[in-house]
Amino acid sequence: MIKLELATIEDSRDIYQWRNDPLTREMSINTQIVKISVHRKWFNSSLENKDRHLFMCVDINKNKIGLVRFDIEGDTGLVSINLNPNKRNQGLAKLCLKESIIKLQNCSPKIRILKAKIKKINYPSKKTFEGIGFKFHYQYKNLCHYEMKLK
């Protein structure tokens, strides 16, 4: 069982550490180590951005599983997930994505299309997104573009 909460400033340090995890960096579009000052600025502006939703997935004991981010433009949301490295390979990414999409639809019913950009080599993420209904749209260079239409 998982629960979704809006991310808060108290989550910043965990998300910073997850983002700089070597495997996370390898699978990210930007593979560089992020400096704490850059992360703080990004995170604080993200919390204030009405077109960005940050959902923290936690288990019943309040252990942090991961962060799901939606960047909204019109009726479209670009989704990405950053899993706690200690929670990988447990099937939790799929649960976090499913639940966060439900929550997004409840708070932003105008969203009709979700998109995701996933590195070609990131097989676990591609499998996760496809497993909840995302369809491969096209590939450009090393990025696979996925879409899912919402009802």
C-alpha atoms as a PDB file:
ATOM      1  CA  MET A   1       0.000   0.000   0.000  1.00  0.00           C
ATOM      2  CA  ILE A   2       1.295   3.417  -0.940  1.00  0.00           C
ATOM      3  CA  LYS A   3       0.128   6.938  -0.252  1.00  0.00           C
ATOM      4  CA  LEU A   4       0.742  10.145  -2.161  1.00  0.00           C
ATOM      5  CA  GLU A   5       1.578  13.455  -0.572  1.00  0.00           C
ATOM      6  CA  LEU A   6       2.512  16.769  -2.065  1.00  0.00           C
ATOM      7  CA  ALA A   7       6.257  17.208  -1.813  1.00  0.00           C
ATOM      8  CA  THR A   8       7.407  19.730   0.767  1.00  0.00           C
ATOM      9  CA  ILE A   9      10.647  21.503   1.535  1.00  0.00           C
ATOM     10  CA  GLU A  10      11.418  18.667   3.985  1.00  0.00           C
ATOM     11  CA  ASP A  11      11.720  16.298   0.994  1.00  0.00           C
ATOM     12  CA  SER A  12      14.383  18.374  -0.729  1.00  0.00           C
ATOM     13  CA  ARG A  13      17.431  16.613   0.745  1.00  0.00           C
ATOM     14  CA  ASP A  14      16.154  13.103  -0.092  1.00  0.00           C
ATOM     15  CA  ILE A  15      15.304  14.083  -3.659  1.00  0.00           C
ATOM     16  CA  TYR A  16      18.717  15.700  -4.022  1.00  0.00           C
ATOM     17  CA  GLN A  17      20.439  12.491  -2.906  1.00  0.00           C
ATOM     18  CA  TRP A  18      18.275  10.313  -5.189  1.00  0.00           C
ATOM     19  CA  ARG A  19      18.968  12.610  -8.148  1.00  0.00           C
ATOM     20  CA  ASN A  20      22.730  12.268  -7.711  1.00  0.00           C
ATOM     21  CA  ASP A  21      22.643   8.486  -7.345  1.00  0.00           C
ATOM     22  CA  PRO A  22      24.929   7.035 -10.087  1.00  0.00           C
ATOM     23  CA  LEU A  23      22.214   4.886 -11.737  1.00  0.00           C
ATOM     24  CA  THR A  24      19.676   7.710 -11.570  1.00  0.00           C
ATOM     25  CA  ARG A  25      22.164  10.040 -13.258  1.00  0.00           C
ATOM     26  CA  GLU A  26      22.946   7.440 -15.921  1.00  0.00           C
ATOM     27  CA  MET A  27      19.244   7.129 -16.792  1.00  0.00           C
ATOM     28  CA  SER A  28      18.538  10.874 -16.621  1.00  0.00           C
ATOM     29  CA  ILE A  29      18.602  13.205 -19.603  1.00  0.00           C
ATOM     30  CA  ASN A  30      21.060  15.378 -17.671  1.00  0.00           C
ATOM     31  CA  THR A  31      23.728  12.995 -16.366  1.00  0.00           C
ATOM     32  CA  GLN A  32      25.757  15.616 -14.496  1.00  0.00           C
ATOM     33  CA  ILE A  33      26.006  15.743 -10.719  1.00  0.00           C
ATOM     34  CA  VAL A  34      23.697  18.481  -9.491  1.00  0.00           C
ATOM     35  CA  LYS A  35      25.135  20.912  -6.936  1.00  0.00           C
ATOM     36  CA  ILE A  36      23.093  21.411  -3.768  1.00  0.00           C
ATOM     37  CA  SER A  37      22.688  25.141  -4.468  1.00  0.00           C
ATOM     38  CA  VAL A  38      21.274  24.422  -7.940  1.00  0.00           C
ATOM     39  CA  HIS A  39      18.975  21.753  -6.538  1.00  0.00           C
ATOM     40  CA  ARG A  40      17.655  24.048  -3.780  1.00  0.00           C
ATOM     41  CA  LYS A  41      16.859  26.779  -6.283  1.00  0.00           C
ATOM     42  CA  TRP A  42      15.113  24.282  -8.622  1.00  0.00           C
ATOM     43  CA  PHE A  43      13.209  22.622  -5.783  1.00  0.00           C
ATOM     44  CA  ASN A  44      12.007  25.868  -4.207  1.00  0.00           C
ATOM     45  CA  SER A  45      10.827  27.224  -7.560  1.00  0.00           C
ATOM     46  CA  SER A  46       9.157  23.866  -8.310  1.00  0.00           C
ATOM     47  CA  LEU A  47       7.146  24.052  -5.093  1.00  0.00           C
ATOM     48  CA  GLU A  48       5.900  27.514  -6.107  1.00  0.00           C
ATOM     49  CA  ASN A  49       5.217  26.643  -9.760  1.00  0.00           C
ATOM     50  CA  LYS A  50       1.466  26.159 -10.342  1.00  0.00           C
ATOM     51  CA  ASP A  51       2.243  24.234 -13.556  1.00  0.00           C
ATOM     52  CA  ARG A  52       4.386  21.639 -11.793  1.00  0.00           C
ATOM     53  CA  HIS A  53       3.062  18.961  -9.465  1.00  0.00           C
ATOM     54  CA  LEU A  54       5.473  17.068  -7.226  1.00  0.00           C
ATOM     55  CA  PHE A  55       3.964  13.985  -5.595  1.00  0.00           C
ATOM     56  CA  MET A  56       5.937  12.090  -2.983  1.00  0.00           C
ATOM     57  CA  CYS A  57       5.103   8.383  -2.754  1.00  0.00           C
ATOM     58  CA  VAL A  58       5.382   6.927   0.732  1.00  0.00           C
ATOM     59  CA  ASP A  59       4.581   3.555   2.245  1.00  0.00           C
ATOM     60  CA  ILE A  60       2.304   2.959   5.241  1.00  0.00           C
ATOM     61  CA  ASN A  61       5.256   3.617   7.576  1.00  0.00           C
ATOM     62  CA  LYS A  62       5.929   6.985   5.872  1.00  0.00           C
ATOM     63  CA  ASN A  63       9.125   5.664   4.244  1.00  0.00           C
ATOM     64  CA  LYS A  64       9.771   7.603   1.050  1.00  0.00           C
ATOM     65  CA  ILE A  65       9.506   5.524  -2.119  1.00  0.00           C
ATOM     66  CA  GLY A  66       9.926   8.105  -4.834  1.00  0.00           C
ATOM     67  CA  LEU A  67       8.898  11.355  -6.446  1.00  0.00           C
ATOM     68  CA  VAL A  68       6.592  11.716  -9.445  1.00  0.00           C
ATOM     69  CA  ARG A  69       6.742  15.059 -11.245  1.00  0.00           C
ATOM     70  CA  PHE A  70       4.243  16.450 -13.739  1.00  0.00           C
ATOM     71  CA  ASP A  71       5.059  19.527 -15.795  1.00  0.00           C
ATOM     72  CA  ILE A  72       1.793  20.887 -17.179  1.00  0.00           C
ATOM     73  CA  GLU A  73       1.354  22.786 -20.423  1.00  0.00           C
ATOM     74  CA  GLY A  74      -2.226  23.264 -21.582  1.00  0.00           C
ATOM     75  CA  ASP A  75      -3.948  19.867 -21.520  1.00  0.00           C
ATOM     76  CA  THR A  76      -0.673  17.932 -21.512  1.00  0.00           C
ATOM     77  CA  GLY A  77       1.524  16.751 -18.678  1.00  0.00           C
ATOM     78  CA  LEU A  78       5.138  15.627 -18.986  1.00  0.00           C
ATOM     79  CA  VAL A  79       5.727  12.981 -16.326  1.00  0.00           C
ATOM     80  CA  SER A  80       8.928  11.749 -14.766  1.00  0.00           C
ATOM     81  CA  ILE A  81       9.688   9.554 -11.796  1.00  0.00           C
ATOM     82  CA  ASN A  82      12.672   9.453  -9.476  1.00  0.00           C
ATOM     83  CA  LEU A  83      12.667   6.377  -7.286  1.00  0.00           C
ATOM     84  CA  ASN A  84      14.489   6.091  -3.982  1.00  0.00           C
ATOM     85  CA  PRO A  85      17.486   3.877  -4.911  1.00  0.00           C
ATOM     86  CA  ASN A  86      16.678   1.640  -1.920  1.00  0.00           C
ATOM     87  CA  LYS A  87      13.203   0.940  -3.337  1.00  0.00           C
ATOM     88  CA  ARG A  88      14.207  -0.243  -6.822  1.00  0.00           C
ATOM     89  CA  ASN A  89      13.173  -3.634  -8.229  1.00  0.00           C
ATOM     90  CA  GLN A  90      10.142  -3.968  -5.949  1.00  0.00           C
ATOM     91  CA  GLY A  91       7.404  -3.013  -8.421  1.00  0.00           C
ATOM     92  CA  LEU A  92       6.793   0.254  -6.589  1.00  0.00           C
ATOM     93  CA  ALA A  93       7.407   2.580  -9.547  1.00  0.00           C
ATOM     94  CA  LYS A  94       4.307   1.277 -11.300  1.00  0.00           C
ATOM     95  CA  LEU A  95       2.188   1.811  -8.182  1.00  0.00           C
ATOM     96  CA  CYS A  96       3.554   5.318  -7.686  1.00  0.00           C
ATOM     97  CA  LEU A  97       2.842   6.255 -11.300  1.00  0.00           C
ATOM     98  CA  LYS A  98      -0.696   4.834 -11.256  1.00  0.00           C
ATOM     99  CA  GLU A  99      -1.620   6.572  -8.025  1.00  0.00           C
ATOM    100  CA  SER A 100      -0.027   9.865  -9.018  1.00  0.00           C
ATOM    101  CA  ILE A 101      -1.948   9.916 -12.317  1.00  0.00           C
ATOM    102  CA  ILE A 102      -5.205   9.418 -10.408  1.00  0.00           C
ATOM    103  CA  LYS A 103      -4.258  12.247  -8.050  1.00  0.00           C
ATOM    104  CA  LEU A 104      -3.296  14.486 -10.985  1.00  0.00           C
ATOM    105  CA  GLN A 105      -6.647  13.852 -12.660  1.00  0.00           C
ATOM    106  CA  ASN A 106      -8.444  14.806  -9.446  1.00  0.00           C
ATOM    107  CA  CYS A 107      -6.579  18.084  -9.005  1.00  0.00           C
ATOM    108  CA  SER A 108      -6.170  18.959 -12.724  1.00  0.00           C
ATOM    109  CA  PRO A 109      -9.081  17.444 -14.659  1.00  0.00           C
ATOM    110  CA  LYS A 110      -8.171  19.428 -17.796  1.00  0.00           C
ATOM    111  CA  ILE A 111      -5.179  17.138 -18.442  1.00  0.00           C
ATOM    112  CA  ARG A 112      -5.926  14.871 -21.413  1.00  0.00           C
ATOM    113  CA  ILE A 113      -2.485  13.619 -22.497  1.00  0.00           C
ATOM    114  CA  LEU A 114       0.538  12.456 -20.536  1.00  0.00           C
ATOM    115  CA  LYS A 115       3.970  12.251 -22.111  1.00  0.00           C
ATOM    116  CA  ALA A 116       7.245  10.753 -20.945  1.00  0.00           C
ATOM    117  CA  LYS A 117      10.789  10.859 -22.289  1.00  0.00           C
ATOM    118  CA  ILE A 118      12.818   7.791 -21.407  1.00  0.00           C
ATOM    119  CA  LYS A 119      16.353   6.922 -22.384  1.00  0.00           C
ATOM    120  CA  LYS A 120      16.548   4.072 -24.883  1.00  0.00           C
ATOM    121  CA  ILE A 121      18.718   2.053 -22.480  1.00  0.00           C
ATOM    122  CA  ASN A 122      16.336   2.497 -19.520  1.00  0.00           C
ATOM    123  CA  TYR A 123      14.475  -0.779 -19.967  1.00  0.00           C
ATOM    124  CA  PRO A 124      12.943  -0.875 -16.454  1.00  0.00           C
ATOM    125  CA  SER A 125      11.330   2.564 -16.914  1.00  0.00           C
ATOM    126  CA  LYS A 126      10.082   1.727 -20.391  1.00  0.00           C
ATOM    127  CA  LYS A 127       8.529  -1.483 -19.040  1.00  0.00           C
ATOM    128  CA  THR A 128       6.970   0.406 -16.115  1.00  0.00           C
ATOM    129  CA  PHE A 129       5.416   3.110 -18.281  1.00  0.00           C
ATOM    130  CA  GLU A 130       4.188   0.605 -20.872  1.00  0.00           C
ATOM    131  CA  GLY A 131       2.764  -1.496 -18.036  1.00  0.00           C
ATOM    132  CA  ILE A 132       0.370   1.273 -17.016  1.00  0.00           C
ATOM    133  CA  GLY A 133      -0.771   2.147 -20.534  1.00  0.00           C
ATOM    134  CA  PHE A 134       1.812   4.470 -22.059  1.00  0.00           C
ATOM    135  CA  LYS A 135       2.389   3.815 -25.758  1.00  0.00           C
ATOM    136  CA  PHE A 136       5.672   4.259 -27.577  1.00  0.00           C
ATOM    137  CA  HIS A 137       5.282   7.280 -29.860  1.00  0.00           C
ATOM    138  CA  TYR A 138       8.707   7.781 -31.454  1.00  0.00           C
ATOM    139  CA  GLN A 139      12.431   7.784 -30.791  1.00  0.00           C
ATOM    140  CA  TYR A 140      14.718  10.742 -31.365  1.00  0.00           C
ATOM    141  CA  LYS A 141      18.407  10.099 -30.809  1.00  0.00           C
ATOM    142  CA  ASN A 142      18.657   8.203 -27.502  1.00  0.00           C
ATOM    143  CA  LEU A 143      15.239   9.242 -26.135  1.00  0.00           C
ATOM    144  CA  CYS A 144      12.045   7.240 -26.503  1.00  0.00           C
ATOM    145  CA  HIS A 145       8.899   9.356 -26.395  1.00  0.00           C
ATOM    146  CA  TYR A 146       5.788   7.828 -24.859  1.00  0.00           C
ATOM    147  CA  GLU A 147       2.196   9.048 -24.616  1.00  0.00           C
ATOM    148  CA  MET A 148      -0.934   8.084 -22.783  1.00  0.00           C
ATOM    149  CA  LYS A 149      -4.384   9.537 -23.410  1.00  0.00           C
ATOM    150  CA  LEU A 150      -6.510  10.120 -20.314  1.00  0.00           C
ATOM    151  CA  LYS A 151     -10.274   9.753 -20.174  1.00  0.00           C
END
